C-alpha atoms as a PDB file:
ATOM      1  CA  MET A   1     -16.575  -4.598  14.437  1.00  0.00           C
ATOM      2  CA  LYS A   2     -16.743  -1.261  16.040  1.00  0.00           C
ATOM      3  CA  GLY A   3     -14.062   1.222  16.672  1.00  0.00           C
ATOM      4  CA  ALA A   4     -10.637   1.507  15.941  1.00  0.00           C
ATOM      5  CA  SER A   5     -10.302  -2.211  16.178  1.00  0.00           C
ATOM      6  CA  GLY A   6     -12.844  -2.922  13.693  1.00  0.00           C
ATOM      7  CA  VAL A   7     -11.923  -0.199  11.397  1.00  0.00           C
ATOM      8  CA  LYS A   8      -7.878  -2.239  11.359  1.00  0.00           C
ATOM      9  CA  GLU A   9      -9.876  -4.767  10.941  1.00  0.00           C
ATOM     10  CA  ALA A  10     -11.405  -4.406   7.846  1.00  0.00           C
ATOM     11  CA  SER A  11      -7.981  -3.115   6.433  1.00  0.00           C
ATOM     12  CA  THR A  12      -6.329  -5.777   5.274  1.00  0.00           C
ATOM     13  CA  ASP A  13      -7.045  -9.501   3.457  1.00  0.00           C
ATOM     14  CA  PHE A  14      -6.932 -12.301   4.920  1.00  0.00           C
ATOM     15  CA  GLY A  15      -3.445 -12.825   4.716  1.00  0.00           C
ATOM     16  CA  HIS A  16      -2.012  -9.745   5.631  1.00  0.00           C
ATOM     17  CA  ILE A  17      -0.707  -8.940   2.057  1.00  0.00           C
ATOM     18  CA  VAL A  18      -2.449  -5.535   0.587  1.00  0.00           C
ATOM     19  CA  ALA A  19      -3.218  -3.147   3.316  1.00  0.00           C
ATOM     20  CA  SER A  20      -6.280  -0.092   2.556  1.00  0.00           C
ATOM     21  CA  SER A  21      -8.107   2.054   5.190  1.00  0.00           C
ATOM     22  CA  PRO A  22     -11.854   1.654   4.656  1.00  0.00           C
ATOM     23  CA  LEU A  23     -13.861   4.774   4.471  1.00  0.00           C
ATOM     24  CA  GLY A  24     -16.235   3.227   6.872  1.00  0.00           C
ATOM     25  CA  VAL A  25     -16.920  -0.926   8.181  1.00  0.00           C
ATOM     26  CA  VAL A  26     -20.605  -1.580   8.045  1.00  0.00           C
ATOM     27  CA  THR A  27     -21.696  -4.706   9.955  1.00  0.00           C
ATOM     28  CA  ALA A  28     -25.217  -6.484   8.236  1.00  0.00           C
ATOM     29  CA  ARG A  29     -26.977  -7.650  10.203  1.00  0.00           C
ATOM     30  CA  SER A  30     -30.237  -8.472   7.625  1.00  0.00           C
ATOM     31  CA  THR A  31     -31.289  -8.174   3.632  1.00  0.00           C
ATOM     32  CA  ALA A  32     -32.145  -4.882   4.215  1.00  0.00           C
ATOM     33  CA  ASP A  33     -29.252  -4.067   6.250  1.00  0.00           C
ATOM     34  CA  VAL A  34     -27.296  -4.686   2.753  1.00  0.00           C
ATOM     35  CA  ARG A  35     -29.950  -2.793   0.256  1.00  0.00           C
ATOM     36  CA  GLU A  36     -29.995   0.052   1.755  1.00  0.00           C
ATOM     37  CA  LEU A  37     -25.785   0.575   2.128  1.00  0.00           C
ATOM     38  CA  VAL A  38     -26.044  -0.504  -1.039  1.00  0.00           C
ATOM     39  CA  SER A  39     -28.430   1.702  -2.164  1.00  0.00           C
ATOM     40  CA  PHE A  40     -26.758   4.905  -0.663  1.00  0.00           C
ATOM     41  CA  ALA A  41     -23.654   3.995  -1.516  1.00  0.00           C
ATOM     42  CA  GLY A  42     -24.257   3.313  -5.819  1.00  0.00           C
ATOM     43  CA  PRO A  43     -25.787   6.550  -6.205  1.00  0.00           C
ATOM     44  CA  ALA A  44     -22.748   8.619  -3.880  1.00  0.00           C
ATOM     45  CA  GLY A  45     -20.267   6.247  -6.516  1.00  0.00           C
ATOM     46  CA  LEU A  46     -19.189   5.266  -2.759  1.00  0.00           C
ATOM     47  CA  PRO A  47     -17.651   1.528  -3.368  1.00  0.00           C
ATOM     48  CA  VAL A  48     -18.591  -1.152  -1.706  1.00  0.00           C
ATOM     49  CA  SER A  49     -16.489  -4.729  -0.598  1.00  0.00           C
ATOM     50  CA  ALA A  50     -18.022  -8.188   0.855  1.00  0.00           C
ATOM     51  CA  ARG A  51     -16.613  -9.775   3.720  1.00  0.00           C
ATOM     52  CA  GLY A  52     -17.696 -12.613   4.580  1.00  0.00           C
ATOM     53  CA  ALA A  53     -16.415 -14.974   7.886  1.00  0.00           C
ATOM     54  CA  GLY A  54     -13.935 -16.485   6.082  1.00  0.00           C
ATOM     55  CA  GLN A  55     -16.050 -18.427   2.871  1.00  0.00           C
ATOM     56  CA  ALA A  56     -13.732 -17.574   0.712  1.00  0.00           C
ATOM     57  CA  LEU A  57     -16.130 -14.403  -0.200  1.00  0.00           C
END
């Protein structure tokens, strides 16, 4: 996801019931990307929320 369209897509749930603007959107390409994100976000006090591709994540 890139740019404003990616943030807009990440701002609602799948049922479009809840809307909230995220601080950022990250598209991880590997488990190392996820590990790096969590290692940064945790100590910084930033919440992390996973969103899958419709896989009930």
